[in-house]
Amino acid sequence: MRPLPITVPLGIGQTPISFASSLAAANGVPTMRDFCRHVAVDRKGMGRGELRQIKRLARLGDVDPTQLETSWIVRKDGWTFVGGEKLRRQCSLKGFRYCPLCIQDDLSNRAGPRYARPFLRASWMIEAVGTCVIHTTSLVQSRGPVDKYLDDDFAAYVRQHRGEVDRFAAEARPVARSSADAWMHQRLVCHSDPSFLGSLQFHVALRLCEVIGFIELNGVKASARNFEGAALREARERGYRIAAGGVDAIRLFLEKLDTAFWEATHVIGGARLYGPLYRWLQGTMSNPDFDPVRKVIKDHAIDSFPIGPGDVFLGPVEHRRWHSVHSASREYRVHPKRLRKQLEVQGIIGDLAGRSNGRIAFETSAAAGFLTQVSDRVFAPEARRRLQVSAEGFRQLMNEGLVAPLTVRKGGGMHIQYSERQLDEFLKCLAAKAIERNGGETDLVSVQRATSLAGCRFIEVIRLILGRKLDRLELDVSRVGFLALLVCPTEVRKKTVLKNHGGHSLRAVEQRLKTTTNTVRRLVDGGWLPSTDAVNPIKRCTQRVVMPLDIEEFLERYVSLHRLAAASNMQIAALKGQLLAAGIRPAFHLGPGTATFYETSQLASAGPPSLRGRTVR
């Protein structure tokens, strides 16, 4: 396909539709519609994004197709693309927006037929662009009636409404130069922007400037409803001046909003903190175009506030930089009062008496080792619960040195603490040789129960387990601590029973002597009946015992008045009177309410006739 006989130069930022309009005017075709029909170019196809239409138009106009693509306006999937820049509901395709002074310049200075010279710039179609960056005047909206056959035909419109252009030009007044408009024009024309805003989709960058500017002007609590017109342009300009500085400038802007968090005494989330900015980003979570902005805001929040895994701030938080006393106490399972006191002692935080635990922050890197150490420490009640052992059993473990406290601070008000890791390692050592099982019937019992059934001490069973001396040892994985260790009580009894001391308890002595408890105690305390302290082989307690030989010797040497009366078939009072008449007195006096004893040797030599020659045992 050859170029048309008459062509026109492609203007900077000229849209393909406007270029077709200029070619139609240059070649004497009344309307662009007629021109497109004659040369088989589908103008609606260009609006739908059909590249072959652009290439055909480029060959007819003798221009590079890529130059046309830089200002190509396409509607697709609910979005508008201007030269590849993505916008949503921000491009005006009804009527024409233009700079009247630029149109006059085109008519006066461009080459080609007169009414083929004016052209429509793509940046003028962006509603956010309010001024001409060349003449610093406001863009105007066409007011003249547009015939349906002249729709999108800008060259034909200027030809029919030249008076409107001249009138707008005469009324044009300089306005303040807009940095935001200059940036948008530069990006739409050159498609190059190395800044952070340039890395964003156009609609995201534009909205970011507007939201930041709104917050800067009105604060985070103001309502953005009905926010448009001059107020929107002012916010866009103010926001661009901030966002143009890149990520660092945006974070400086956010730092001014961060003070609300530290001054608050209640829970405050992202919406309360950053207002419209957070709600905008939260409401677009499904659109990946906003991910770079979300990342900047989220990274700033992570670097500024005590949030971490388990929290949600524009999505789940993956890592943590700051801890508060509150968050650290929850993560490391340490009471906040205790943690706050220890952090002050370590110098990690200062004495911030007026702040709540949620507003006292410290870097995790500075306290990671200390927090791990603190979280590993528990007090005795928690240690007992972790081991599932009684207070007496825990005391025996401590006395044996199997459970040792970490530190003891008397002056600072600190109590004895224990290491959870060491407790777990101790349990793991005990269960090393155990056979695992999961519930079900069994004749084995827990260690605590075995001590009662076997009549031994808790620590004795632990010694058997540590010494690998039990043939039957199982681990019930459905339980925890010592409750999970199951032993055979019969085996424990056999391996913990003590050697019998061979003596008689005072109760047995009482029965052997056929006397009262009080009498036996007086005999033992007075030394007339030798005794000793020995360990009970069953109950493991110390008891006073009398050896059998000492009992026999006592019976050989002494006899009670009660037994003498029974042997002689006499009343006790009568027998006692005979003994007194014979000059025989008791061997010793034990006190009231006790038995009376006489020496057998005296009875044999000088006793009454009724007792001589008798042996009373």
Foldseek 3Di string as FASTA:
>chain_A
DAAAPDAFDDDQQFALLQRLLLVCVQVVNLASVVVCVVQVQDPVVLQQPDLVSLVSSCRHRVHDSLSNLLQRWHQDPQWIAGSNFTAHPFFAQPAAKAQLVVQVCQQVPGDGDRLSRDGHGSLRRGNLQQADQVQQWGIDGDDDDDPPRHRSNVSSVCVVPVVVSVVSNVVTDHDDRFPLNVVSSCCSRVVDDPAPLSVARVHLSQVQQQLLLCCVVPNQPDDCPPQDDPNSSRSSRNSCVQCRVHLVSVLVSLVVLCVVVLPDQDDDAPCNRSHPVQVVLLVPLVDCSCVVVQVSVLVSCQVPFQDAAPDARSHGHHGHFKHFLVRLCVVLVNPSVVSVVVCCVVVQFHCPPPGDRRNTMGTCVVCVVVSNVVSQKDDPVVLCVQQVHDPVLVVVCVVVVLFDWDDDDDPVPDHTIGGNVSSVVSQCLLCVPAAEDADDDDQWFFLVVLCVLLLHDSVLVSVCSNVVPAPHWHAHPVDGHSRRITGHSVSSNVVQFDDDPQFAALVVLCVVLVWDSLQSVLCPVVVVQDWDWDADRRNRHIGITGHPVSSVVSLQFKHWLVQVCVVLVHDSVVQVVQCVVLVFDFPDDSDPPGITMGTVVCCQPRNDPSRHPDRTD
